[in-house]
Amino acid sequence: MVDMNDPWETIEGETPIDPSHLNDRTIRTRAELNRAEAENVRKAHMLSNIWLSTHDQPLVKWPEATIGGTSPVRQEYLRALQEADKNDYHLLIALHCRFLERS
């Protein structure tokens, strides 16, 4: 088993600078980061819905598969977050409104 925390650990028979080893390590590390990012997104959505629920507001039903993958909605979401980081919330609010659960 390869220790993902040790970037210089070798797989038996390989050296740390073997390009195939580094490529494999990069792919596995990126996959781990993508999983962690997706988990953070799910938690953020859950927390925002908890807040909305406690304030008697409709919940946001995010298209999780779309937000988590490569898609136009994901690009809109990321752009809205970038604008919100600059204190401009109109895109993020509009996106939330678009995915409100309707009773």
PDB file of N, CA and C in Angstrom:
ATOM      1  N   MET A   1       0.841  -1.180   0.000  1.00  0.00           N
ATOM      2  CA  MET A   1       0.000   0.000   0.000  1.00  0.00           C
ATOM      3  C   MET A   1       0.883   1.238   0.000  1.00  0.00           C
ATOM      4  N   VAL A   2       0.561   2.192  -0.835  1.00  0.00           N
ATOM      5  CA  VAL A   2       1.321   3.427  -0.947  1.00  0.00           C
ATOM      6  C   VAL A   2       0.777   4.430   0.060  1.00  0.00           C
ATOM      7  N   ASP A   3       1.686   5.075   0.792  1.00  0.00           N
ATOM      8  CA  ASP A   3       1.297   6.119   1.740  1.00  0.00           C
ATOM      9  C   ASP A   3       1.126   7.419   0.981  1.00  0.00           C
ATOM     10  N   MET A   4      -0.134   7.884   0.832  1.00  0.00           N
ATOM     11  CA  MET A   4      -0.417   9.096   0.057  1.00  0.00           C
ATOM     12  C   MET A   4       0.137  10.353   0.728  1.00  0.00           C
ATOM     13  N   ASN A   5       0.486  10.251   2.025  1.00  0.00           N
ATOM     14  CA  ASN A   5       1.029  11.411   2.725  1.00  0.00           C
ATOM     15  C   ASN A   5       2.526  11.579   2.493  1.00  0.00           C
ATOM     16  N   ASP A   6       3.162  10.573   1.937  1.00  0.00           N
ATOM     17  CA  ASP A   6       4.598  10.637   1.681  1.00  0.00           C
ATOM     18  C   ASP A   6       4.822  10.731   0.178  1.00  0.00           C
ATOM     19  N   PRO A   7       5.063  11.964  -0.338  1.00  0.00           N
ATOM     20  CA  PRO A   7       5.186  12.123  -1.789  1.00  0.00           C
ATOM     21  C   PRO A   7       6.392  11.420  -2.383  1.00  0.00           C
ATOM     22  N   TRP A   8       7.356  11.045  -1.559  1.00  0.00           N
ATOM     23  CA  TRP A   8       8.560  10.407  -2.098  1.00  0.00           C
ATOM     24  C   TRP A   8       8.577   8.910  -1.850  1.00  0.00           C
ATOM     25  N   GLU A   9       7.519   8.368  -1.277  1.00  0.00           N
ATOM     26  CA  GLU A   9       7.475   6.927  -1.085  1.00  0.00           C
ATOM     27  C   GLU A   9       7.477   6.249  -2.452  1.00  0.00           C
ATOM     28  N   THR A  10       8.199   5.178  -2.561  1.00  0.00           N
ATOM     29  CA  THR A  10       8.276   4.496  -3.852  1.00  0.00           C
ATOM     30  C   THR A  10       7.391   3.266  -3.849  1.00  0.00           C
ATOM     31  N   ILE A  11       6.923   2.938  -5.021  1.00  0.00           N
ATOM     32  CA  ILE A  11       6.250   1.668  -5.236  1.00  0.00           C
ATOM     33  C   ILE A  11       7.364   0.691  -5.560  1.00  0.00           C
ATOM     34  N   GLU A  12       7.254  -0.510  -5.046  1.00  0.00           N
ATOM     35  CA  GLU A  12       8.328  -1.479  -5.207  1.00  0.00           C
ATOM     36  C   GLU A  12       8.827  -1.539  -6.645  1.00  0.00           C
ATOM     37  N   GLY A  13      10.136  -1.389  -6.818  1.00  0.00           N
ATOM     38  CA  GLY A  13      10.738  -1.465  -8.139  1.00  0.00           C
ATOM     39  C   GLY A  13      10.796  -0.126  -8.857  1.00  0.00           C
ATOM     40  N   GLU A  14      10.265   0.933  -8.282  1.00  0.00           N
ATOM     41  CA  GLU A  14      10.286   2.239  -8.930  1.00  0.00           C
ATOM     42  C   GLU A  14      11.106   3.224  -8.110  1.00  0.00           C
ATOM     43  N   THR A  15      11.580   4.238  -8.761  1.00  0.00           N
ATOM     44  CA  THR A  15      12.275   5.310  -8.062  1.00  0.00           C
ATOM     45  C   THR A  15      11.317   6.482  -7.951  1.00  0.00           C
ATOM     46  N   PRO A  16      11.543   7.411  -7.004  1.00  0.00           N
ATOM     47  CA  PRO A  16      10.618   8.535  -6.835  1.00  0.00           C
ATOM     48  C   PRO A  16      10.507   9.432  -8.068  1.00  0.00           C
ATOM     49  N   ILE A  17      11.474   9.388  -8.972  1.00  0.00           N
ATOM     50  CA  ILE A  17      11.400  10.278 -10.132  1.00  0.00           C
ATOM     51  C   ILE A  17      10.919   9.567 -11.392  1.00  0.00           C
ATOM     52  N   ASP A  18      10.438   8.342 -11.243  1.00  0.00           N
ATOM     53  CA  ASP A  18       9.879   7.614 -12.379  1.00  0.00           C
ATOM     54  C   ASP A  18       8.634   8.364 -12.853  1.00  0.00           C
ATOM     55  N   PRO A  19       8.611   8.856 -14.113  1.00  0.00           N
ATOM     56  CA  PRO A  19       7.473   9.636 -14.596  1.00  0.00           C
ATOM     57  C   PRO A  19       6.134   8.931 -14.454  1.00  0.00           C
ATOM     58  N   SER A  20       6.099   7.620 -14.675  1.00  0.00           N
ATOM     59  CA  SER A  20       4.817   6.923 -14.555  1.00  0.00           C
ATOM     60  C   SER A  20       4.347   6.915 -13.102  1.00  0.00           C
ATOM     61  N   HIS A  21       5.290   6.825 -12.185  1.00  0.00           N
ATOM     62  CA  HIS A  21       4.965   6.853 -10.765  1.00  0.00           C
ATOM     63  C   HIS A  21       4.419   8.231 -10.384  1.00  0.00           C
ATOM     64  N   LEU A  22       5.077   9.287 -10.843  1.00  0.00           N
ATOM     65  CA  LEU A  22       4.630  10.639 -10.523  1.00  0.00           C
ATOM     66  C   LEU A  22       3.277  10.935 -11.159  1.00  0.00           C
ATOM     67  N   ASN A  23       3.069  10.464 -12.382  1.00  0.00           N
ATOM     68  CA  ASN A  23       1.787  10.668 -13.044  1.00  0.00           C
ATOM     69  C   ASN A  23       0.677   9.959 -12.272  1.00  0.00           C
ATOM     70  N   ASP A  24       0.934   8.715 -11.885  1.00  0.00           N
ATOM     71  CA  ASP A  24      -0.056   7.961 -11.114  1.00  0.00           C
ATOM     72  C   ASP A  24      -0.358   8.660  -9.797  1.00  0.00           C
ATOM     73  N   ARG A  25       0.693   9.134  -9.119  1.00  0.00           N
ATOM     74  CA  ARG A  25       0.518   9.847  -7.838  1.00  0.00           C
ATOM     75  C   ARG A  25      -0.305  11.118  -8.044  1.00  0.00           C
ATOM     76  N   THR A  26      -0.038  11.843  -9.118  1.00  0.00           N
ATOM     77  CA  THR A  26      -0.767  13.078  -9.408  1.00  0.00           C
ATOM     78  C   THR A  26      -2.244  12.788  -9.636  1.00  0.00           C
ATOM     79  N   ILE A  27      -2.529  11.759 -10.408  1.00  0.00           N
ATOM     80  CA  ILE A  27      -3.918  11.390 -10.699  1.00  0.00           C
ATOM     81  C   ILE A  27      -4.642  11.001  -9.415  1.00  0.00           C
ATOM     82  N   ARG A  28      -3.994  10.183  -8.574  1.00  0.00           N
ATOM     83  CA  ARG A  28      -4.629   9.747  -7.332  1.00  0.00           C
ATOM     84  C   ARG A  28      -4.821  10.924  -6.373  1.00  0.00           C
ATOM     85  N   THR A  29      -3.843  11.810  -6.291  1.00  0.00           N
ATOM     86  CA  THR A  29      -3.957  12.977  -5.413  1.00  0.00           C
ATOM     87  C   THR A  29      -5.071  13.887  -5.885  1.00  0.00           C
ATOM     88  N   ARG A  30      -5.154  14.100  -7.193  1.00  0.00           N
ATOM     89  CA  ARG A  30      -6.214  14.961  -7.739  1.00  0.00           C
ATOM     90  C   ARG A  30      -7.592  14.352  -7.468  1.00  0.00           C
ATOM     91  N   ALA A  31      -7.702  13.040  -7.596  1.00  0.00           N
ATOM     92  CA  ALA A  31      -8.976  12.377  -7.314  1.00  0.00           C
ATOM     93  C   ALA A  31      -9.375  12.588  -5.858  1.00  0.00           C
ATOM     94  N   GLU A  32      -8.399  12.485  -4.940  1.00  0.00           N
ATOM     95  CA  GLU A  32      -8.685  12.723  -3.522  1.00  0.00           C
ATOM     96  C   GLU A  32      -9.133  14.160  -3.285  1.00  0.00           C
ATOM     97  N   LEU A  33      -8.475  15.124  -3.929  1.00  0.00           N
ATOM     98  CA  LEU A  33      -8.854  16.528  -3.784  1.00  0.00           C
ATOM     99  C   LEU A  33     -10.250  16.779  -4.340  1.00  0.00           C
ATOM    100  N   ASN A  34     -10.569  16.168  -5.476  1.00  0.00           N
ATOM    101  CA  ASN A  34     -11.902  16.325  -6.061  1.00  0.00           C
ATOM    102  C   ASN A  34     -12.982  15.776  -5.135  1.00  0.00           C
ATOM    103  N   ARG A  35     -12.705  14.623  -4.504  1.00  0.00           N
ATOM    104  CA  ARG A  35     -13.669  14.045  -3.563  1.00  0.00           C
ATOM    105  C   ARG A  35     -13.846  14.970  -2.353  1.00  0.00           C
ATOM    106  N   ALA A  36     -12.749  15.527  -1.853  1.00  0.00           N
ATOM    107  CA  ALA A  36     -12.822  16.427  -0.700  1.00  0.00           C
ATOM    108  C   ALA A  36     -13.591  17.700  -1.070  1.00  0.00           C
ATOM    109  N   GLU A  37     -13.341  18.231  -2.267  1.00  0.00           N
ATOM    110  CA  GLU A  37     -14.051  19.431  -2.715  1.00  0.00           C
ATOM    111  C   GLU A  37     -15.542  19.154  -2.834  1.00  0.00           C
ATOM    112  N   ALA A  38     -15.896  18.017  -3.410  1.00  0.00           N
ATOM    113  CA  ALA A  38     -17.311  17.659  -3.558  1.00  0.00           C
ATOM    114  C   ALA A  38     -17.974  17.529  -2.194  1.00  0.00           C
ATOM    115  N   GLU A  39     -17.263  16.961  -1.232  1.00  0.00           N
ATOM    116  CA  GLU A  39     -17.807  16.821   0.117  1.00  0.00           C
ATOM    117  C   GLU A  39     -18.011  18.191   0.757  1.00  0.00           C
ATOM    118  N   ASN A  40     -17.069  19.106   0.549  1.00  0.00           N
ATOM    119  CA  ASN A  40     -17.220  20.462   1.088  1.00  0.00           C
ATOM    120  C   ASN A  40     -18.422  21.175   0.480  1.00  0.00           C
ATOM    121  N   VAL A  41     -18.640  20.981  -0.811  1.00  0.00           N
ATOM    122  CA  VAL A  41     -19.788  21.600  -1.487  1.00  0.00           C
ATOM    123  C   VAL A  41     -21.080  21.053  -0.902  1.00  0.00           C
ATOM    124  N   ARG A  42     -21.159  19.730  -0.727  1.00  0.00           N
ATOM    125  CA  ARG A  42     -22.368  19.126  -0.153  1.00  0.00           C
ATOM    126  C   ARG A  42     -22.640  19.655   1.251  1.00  0.00           C
ATOM    127  N   LYS A  43     -21.586  19.782   2.056  1.00  0.00           N
ATOM    128  CA  LYS A  43     -21.760  20.298   3.420  1.00  0.00           C
ATOM    129  C   LYS A  43     -22.215  21.745   3.407  1.00  0.00           C
ATOM    130  N   ALA A  44     -21.663  22.552   2.522  1.00  0.00           N
ATOM    131  CA  ALA A  44     -22.075  23.961   2.428  1.00  0.00           C
ATOM    132  C   ALA A  44     -23.542  24.061   2.025  1.00  0.00           C
ATOM    133  N   HIS A  45     -23.954  23.235   1.080  1.00  0.00           N
ATOM    134  CA  HIS A  45     -25.363  23.242   0.655  1.00  0.00           C
ATOM    135  C   HIS A  45     -26.267  22.804   1.804  1.00  0.00           C
ATOM    136  N   MET A  46     -25.846  21.790   2.534  1.00  0.00           N
ATOM    137  CA  MET A  46     -26.637  21.307   3.654  1.00  0.00           C
ATOM    138  C   MET A  46     -26.769  22.397   4.721  1.00  0.00           C
ATOM    139  N   LEU A  47     -25.668  23.057   5.054  1.00  0.00           N
ATOM    140  CA  LEU A  47     -25.711  24.102   6.073  1.00  0.00           C
ATOM    141  C   LEU A  47     -26.581  25.282   5.646  1.00  0.00           C
ATOM    142  N   SER A  48     -26.504  25.648   4.381  1.00  0.00           N
ATOM    143  CA  SER A  48     -27.346  26.761   3.923  1.00  0.00           C
ATOM    144  C   SER A  48     -28.823  26.370   3.995  1.00  0.00           C
ATOM    145  N   ASN A  49     -29.143  25.119   3.678  1.00  0.00           N
ATOM    146  CA  ASN A  49     -30.537  24.668   3.771  1.00  0.00           C
ATOM    147  C   ASN A  49     -31.005  24.576   5.220  1.00  0.00           C
ATOM    148  N   ILE A  50     -30.113  24.233   6.141  1.00  0.00           N
ATOM    149  CA  ILE A  50     -30.481  24.230   7.560  1.00  0.00           C
ATOM    150  C   ILE A  50     -30.826  25.651   7.986  1.00  0.00           C
ATOM    151  N   TRP A  51     -30.007  26.606   7.587  1.00  0.00           N
ATOM    152  CA  TRP A  51     -30.268  28.008   7.937  1.00  0.00           C
ATOM    153  C   TRP A  51     -31.604  28.454   7.343  1.00  0.00           C
ATOM    154  N   LEU A  52     -31.830  28.142   6.070  1.00  0.00           N
ATOM    155  CA  LEU A  52     -33.092  28.526   5.427  1.00  0.00           C
ATOM    156  C   LEU A  52     -34.281  27.898   6.150  1.00  0.00           C
ATOM    157  N   SER A  53     -34.153  26.636   6.504  1.00  0.00           N
ATOM    158  CA  SER A  53     -35.237  25.923   7.181  1.00  0.00           C
ATOM    159  C   SER A  53     -35.546  26.559   8.535  1.00  0.00           C
ATOM    160  N   THR A  54     -34.532  26.919   9.299  1.00  0.00           N
ATOM    161  CA  THR A  54     -34.763  27.524  10.616  1.00  0.00           C
ATOM    162  C   THR A  54     -35.353  28.921  10.509  1.00  0.00           C
ATOM    163  N   HIS A  55     -35.284  29.523   9.326  1.00  0.00           N
ATOM    164  CA  HIS A  55     -35.867  30.849   9.103  1.00  0.00           C
ATOM    165  C   HIS A  55     -37.120  30.776   8.222  1.00  0.00           C
ATOM    166  N   ASP A  56     -37.735  29.578   8.199  1.00  0.00           N
ATOM    167  CA  ASP A  56     -38.992  29.357   7.458  1.00  0.00           C
ATOM    168  C   ASP A  56     -38.917  29.813   6.007  1.00  0.00           C
ATOM    169  N   GLN A  57     -37.808  29.512   5.369  1.00  0.00           N
ATOM    170  CA  GLN A  57     -37.611  29.856   3.965  1.00  0.00           C
ATOM    171  C   GLN A  57     -37.595  28.573   3.138  1.00  0.00           C
ATOM    172  N   PRO A  58     -37.941  28.666   1.847  1.00  0.00           N
ATOM    173  CA  PRO A  58     -37.864  27.464   1.000  1.00  0.00           C
ATOM    174  C   PRO A  58     -36.412  27.005   0.854  1.00  0.00           C
ATOM    175  N   LEU A  59     -36.252  25.704   0.735  1.00  0.00           N
ATOM    176  CA  LEU A  59     -34.911  25.131   0.590  1.00  0.00           C
ATOM    177  C   LEU A  59     -34.441  25.219  -0.854  1.00  0.00           C
ATOM    178  N   VAL A  60     -33.126  25.162  -1.024  1.00  0.00           N
ATOM    179  CA  VAL A  60     -32.531  25.157  -2.355  1.00  0.00           C
ATOM    180  C   VAL A  60     -32.251  23.708  -2.728  1.00  0.00           C
ATOM    181  N   LYS A  61     -32.767  23.288  -3.863  1.00  0.00           N
ATOM    182  CA  LYS A  61     -32.546  21.915  -4.363  1.00  0.00           C
ATOM    183  C   LYS A  61     -31.498  21.988  -5.465  1.00  0.00           C
ATOM    184  N   TRP A  62     -30.221  21.893  -5.052  1.00  0.00           N
ATOM    185  CA  TRP A  62     -29.124  21.980  -6.016  1.00  0.00           C
ATOM    186  C   TRP A  62     -29.077  20.726  -6.878  1.00  0.00           C
ATOM    187  N   PRO A  63     -28.769  20.889  -8.156  1.00  0.00           N
ATOM    188  CA  PRO A  63     -28.551  19.709  -9.013  1.00  0.00           C
ATOM    189  C   PRO A  63     -27.153  19.164  -8.746  1.00  0.00           C
ATOM    190  N   GLU A  64     -27.004  18.395  -7.668  1.00  0.00           N
ATOM    191  CA  GLU A  64     -25.687  17.966  -7.189  1.00  0.00           C
ATOM    192  C   GLU A  64     -24.796  17.367  -8.274  1.00  0.00           C
ATOM    193  N   ALA A  65     -25.363  16.520  -9.104  1.00  0.00           N
ATOM    194  CA  ALA A  65     -24.546  15.905 -10.157  1.00  0.00           C
ATOM    195  C   ALA A  65     -24.008  16.966 -11.111  1.00  0.00           C
ATOM    196  N   THR A  66     -24.789  18.005 -11.333  1.00  0.00           N
ATOM    197  CA  THR A  66     -24.385  19.067 -12.250  1.00  0.00           C
ATOM    198  C   THR A  66     -23.383  20.002 -11.598  1.00  0.00           C
ATOM    199  N   ILE A  67     -23.619  20.365 -10.349  1.00  0.00           N
ATOM    200  CA  ILE A  67     -22.717  21.266  -9.628  1.00  0.00           C
ATOM    201  C   ILE A  67     -21.362  20.598  -9.427  1.00  0.00           C
ATOM    202  N   GLY A  68     -21.360  19.299  -9.141  1.00  0.00           N
ATOM    203  CA  GLY A  68     -20.118  18.596  -8.852  1.00  0.00           C
ATOM    204  C   GLY A  68     -19.305  18.214 -10.072  1.00  0.00           C
ATOM    205  N   GLY A  69     -19.907  18.232 -11.243  1.00  0.00           N
ATOM    206  CA  GLY A  69     -19.191  17.830 -12.445  1.00  0.00           C
ATOM    207  C   GLY A  69     -18.931  19.011 -13.358  1.00  0.00           C
ATOM    208  N   THR A  70     -18.387  18.723 -14.507  1.00  0.00           N
ATOM    209  CA  THR A  70     -18.155  19.772 -15.493  1.00  0.00           C
ATOM    210  C   THR A  70     -19.470  20.062 -16.190  1.00  0.00           C
ATOM    211  N   SER A  71     -19.944  21.303 -16.051  1.00  0.00           N
ATOM    212  CA  SER A  71     -21.228  21.665 -16.644  1.00  0.00           C
ATOM    213  C   SER A  71     -21.369  23.175 -16.664  1.00  0.00           C
ATOM    214  N   PRO A  72     -22.299  23.678 -17.449  1.00  0.00           N
ATOM    215  CA  PRO A  72     -22.561  25.122 -17.435  1.00  0.00           C
ATOM    216  C   PRO A  72     -23.027  25.617 -16.058  1.00  0.00           C
ATOM    217  N   VAL A  73     -23.820  24.803 -15.336  1.00  0.00           N
ATOM    218  CA  VAL A  73     -24.297  25.213 -14.013  1.00  0.00           C
ATOM    219  C   VAL A  73     -23.114  25.338 -13.058  1.00  0.00           C
ATOM    220  N   ARG A  74     -22.179  24.411 -13.134  1.00  0.00           N
ATOM    221  CA  ARG A  74     -20.988  24.486 -12.265  1.00  0.00           C
ATOM    222  C   ARG A  74     -20.209  25.761 -12.556  1.00  0.00           C
ATOM    223  N   GLN A  75     -20.057  26.100 -13.828  1.00  0.00           N
ATOM    224  CA  GLN A  75     -19.333  27.316 -14.190  1.00  0.00           C
ATOM    225  C   GLN A  75     -20.055  28.549 -13.647  1.00  0.00           C
ATOM    226  N   GLU A  76     -21.377  28.563 -13.745  1.00  0.00           N
ATOM    227  CA  GLU A  76     -22.168  29.672 -13.181  1.00  0.00           C
ATOM    228  C   GLU A  76     -21.965  29.752 -11.669  1.00  0.00           C
ATOM    229  N   TYR A  77     -21.996  28.602 -11.025  1.00  0.00           N
ATOM    230  CA  TYR A  77     -21.841  28.529  -9.575  1.00  0.00           C
ATOM    231  C   TYR A  77     -20.478  29.060  -9.143  1.00  0.00           C
ATOM    232  N   LEU A  78     -19.429  28.618  -9.829  1.00  0.00           N
ATOM    233  CA  LEU A  78     -18.081  29.069  -9.481  1.00  0.00           C
ATOM    234  C   LEU A  78     -17.918  30.570  -9.716  1.00  0.00           C
ATOM    235  N   ARG A  79     -18.485  31.062 -10.812  1.00  0.00           N
ATOM    236  CA  ARG A  79     -18.427  32.503 -11.078  1.00  0.00           C
ATOM    237  C   ARG A  79     -19.172  33.278 -10.002  1.00  0.00           C
ATOM    238  N   ALA A  80     -20.336  32.772  -9.597  1.00  0.00           N
ATOM    239  CA  ALA A  80     -21.122  33.429  -8.552  1.00  0.00           C
ATOM    240  C   ALA A  80     -20.351  33.462  -7.233  1.00  0.00           C
ATOM    241  N   LEU A  81     -19.640  32.374  -6.918  1.00  0.00           N
ATOM    242  CA  LEU A  81     -18.832  32.349  -5.698  1.00  0.00           C
ATOM    243  C   LEU A  81     -17.684  33.354  -5.773  1.00  0.00           C
ATOM    244  N   GLN A  82     -17.058  33.450  -6.943  1.00  0.00           N
ATOM    245  CA  GLN A  82     -15.966  34.422  -7.114  1.00  0.00           C
ATOM    246  C   GLN A  82     -16.474  35.849  -6.916  1.00  0.00           C
ATOM    247  N   GLU A  83     -17.645  36.135  -7.451  1.00  0.00           N
ATOM    248  CA  GLU A  83     -18.221  37.474  -7.283  1.00  0.00           C
ATOM    249  C   GLU A  83     -18.611  37.713  -5.819  1.00  0.00           C
ATOM    250  N   ALA A  84     -19.139  36.682  -5.167  1.00  0.00           N
ATOM    251  CA  ALA A  84     -19.504  36.813  -3.753  1.00  0.00           C
ATOM    252  C   ALA A  84     -18.264  37.082  -2.895  1.00  0.00           C
ATOM    253  N   ASP A  85     -17.138  36.508  -3.274  1.00  0.00           N
ATOM    254  CA  ASP A  85     -15.884  36.785  -2.563  1.00  0.00           C
ATOM    255  C   ASP A  85     -15.510  38.260  -2.640  1.00  0.00           C
ATOM    256  N   LYS A  86     -16.036  38.950  -3.654  1.00  0.00           N
ATOM    257  CA  LYS A  86     -15.783  40.390  -3.826  1.00  0.00           C
ATOM    258  C   LYS A  86     -16.959  41.221  -3.291  1.00  0.00           C
ATOM    259  N   ASN A  87     -17.811  40.582  -2.480  1.00  0.00           N
ATOM    260  CA  ASN A  87     -18.989  41.226  -1.885  1.00  0.00           C
ATOM    261  C   ASN A  87     -20.065  41.594  -2.900  1.00  0.00           C
ATOM    262  N   ASP A  88     -20.097  40.908  -4.011  1.00  0.00           N
ATOM    263  CA  ASP A  88     -21.154  41.097  -5.013  1.00  0.00           C
ATOM    264  C   ASP A  88     -21.965  39.799  -5.051  1.00  0.00           C
ATOM    265  N   TYR A  89     -23.138  39.816  -4.419  1.00  0.00           N
ATOM    266  CA  TYR A  89     -23.908  38.592  -4.205  1.00  0.00           C
ATOM    267  C   TYR A  89     -25.026  38.364  -5.201  1.00  0.00           C
ATOM    268  N   HIS A  90     -25.226  39.272  -6.156  1.00  0.00           N
ATOM    269  CA  HIS A  90     -26.403  39.156  -7.024  1.00  0.00           C
ATOM    270  C   HIS A  90     -26.418  37.862  -7.837  1.00  0.00           C
ATOM    271  N   LEU A  91     -25.278  37.405  -8.340  1.00  0.00           N
ATOM    272  CA  LEU A  91     -25.259  36.154  -9.122  1.00  0.00           C
ATOM    273  C   LEU A  91     -25.556  34.941  -8.234  1.00  0.00           C
ATOM    274  N   LEU A  92     -25.010  34.934  -7.037  1.00  0.00           N
ATOM    275  CA  LEU A  92     -25.230  33.814  -6.126  1.00  0.00           C
ATOM    276  C   LEU A  92     -26.693  33.762  -5.673  1.00  0.00           C
ATOM    277  N   ILE A  93     -27.259  34.923  -5.382  1.00  0.00           N
ATOM    278  CA  ILE A  93     -28.667  34.969  -4.985  1.00  0.00           C
ATOM    279  C   ILE A  93     -29.560  34.503  -6.140  1.00  0.00           C
ATOM    280  N   ALA A  94     -29.260  34.966  -7.340  1.00  0.00           N
ATOM    281  CA  ALA A  94     -30.048  34.555  -8.515  1.00  0.00           C
ATOM    282  C   ALA A  94     -29.970  33.042  -8.721  1.00  0.00           C
ATOM    283  N   LEU A  95     -28.792  32.474  -8.532  1.00  0.00           N
ATOM    284  CA  LEU A  95     -28.620  31.030  -8.701  1.00  0.00           C
ATOM    285  C   LEU A  95     -29.411  30.281  -7.624  1.00  0.00           C
ATOM    286  N   HIS A  96     -29.366  30.755  -6.393  1.00  0.00           N
ATOM    287  CA  HIS A  96     -30.152  30.145  -5.329  1.00  0.00           C
ATOM    288  C   HIS A  96     -31.639  30.191  -5.666  1.00  0.00           C
ATOM    289  N   CYS A  97     -32.101  31.334  -6.113  1.00  0.00           N
ATOM    290  CA  CYS A  97     -33.526  31.493  -6.449  1.00  0.00           C
ATOM    291  C   CYS A  97     -33.943  30.539  -7.571  1.00  0.00           C
ATOM    292  N   ARG A  98     -33.048  30.308  -8.504  1.00  0.00           N
ATOM    293  CA  ARG A  98     -33.345  29.424  -9.626  1.00  0.00           C
ATOM    294  C   ARG A  98     -33.597  27.989  -9.172  1.00  0.00           C
ATOM    295  N   PHE A  99     -32.963  27.576  -8.086  1.00  0.00           N
ATOM    296  CA  PHE A  99     -33.075  26.194  -7.636  1.00  0.00           C
ATOM    297  C   PHE A  99     -33.881  26.039  -6.342  1.00  0.00           C
ATOM    298  N   LEU A 100     -34.695  27.046  -6.021  1.00  0.00           N
ATOM    299  CA  LEU A 100     -35.563  26.913  -4.848  1.00  0.00           C
ATOM    300  C   LEU A 100     -36.564  25.803  -5.048  1.00  0.00           C
ATOM    301  N   GLU A 101     -36.799  25.039  -3.979  1.00  0.00           N
ATOM    302  CA  GLU A 101     -37.846  24.008  -4.040  1.00  0.00           C
ATOM    303  C   GLU A 101     -39.188  24.691  -4.045  1.00  0.00           C
ATOM    304  N   ARG A 102     -40.016  24.292  -4.970  1.00  0.00           N
ATOM    305  CA  ARG A 102     -41.367  24.840  -5.066  1.00  0.00           C
ATOM    306  C   ARG A 102     -42.337  23.840  -4.452  1.00  0.00           C
ATOM    307  N   SER A 103     -43.249  24.315  -3.606  1.00  0.00           N
ATOM    308  CA  SER A 103     -44.210  23.393  -2.971  1.00  0.00           C
ATOM    309  C   SER A 103     -45.335  23.049  -3.910  1.00  0.00           C
TER     310      SER A 103
END
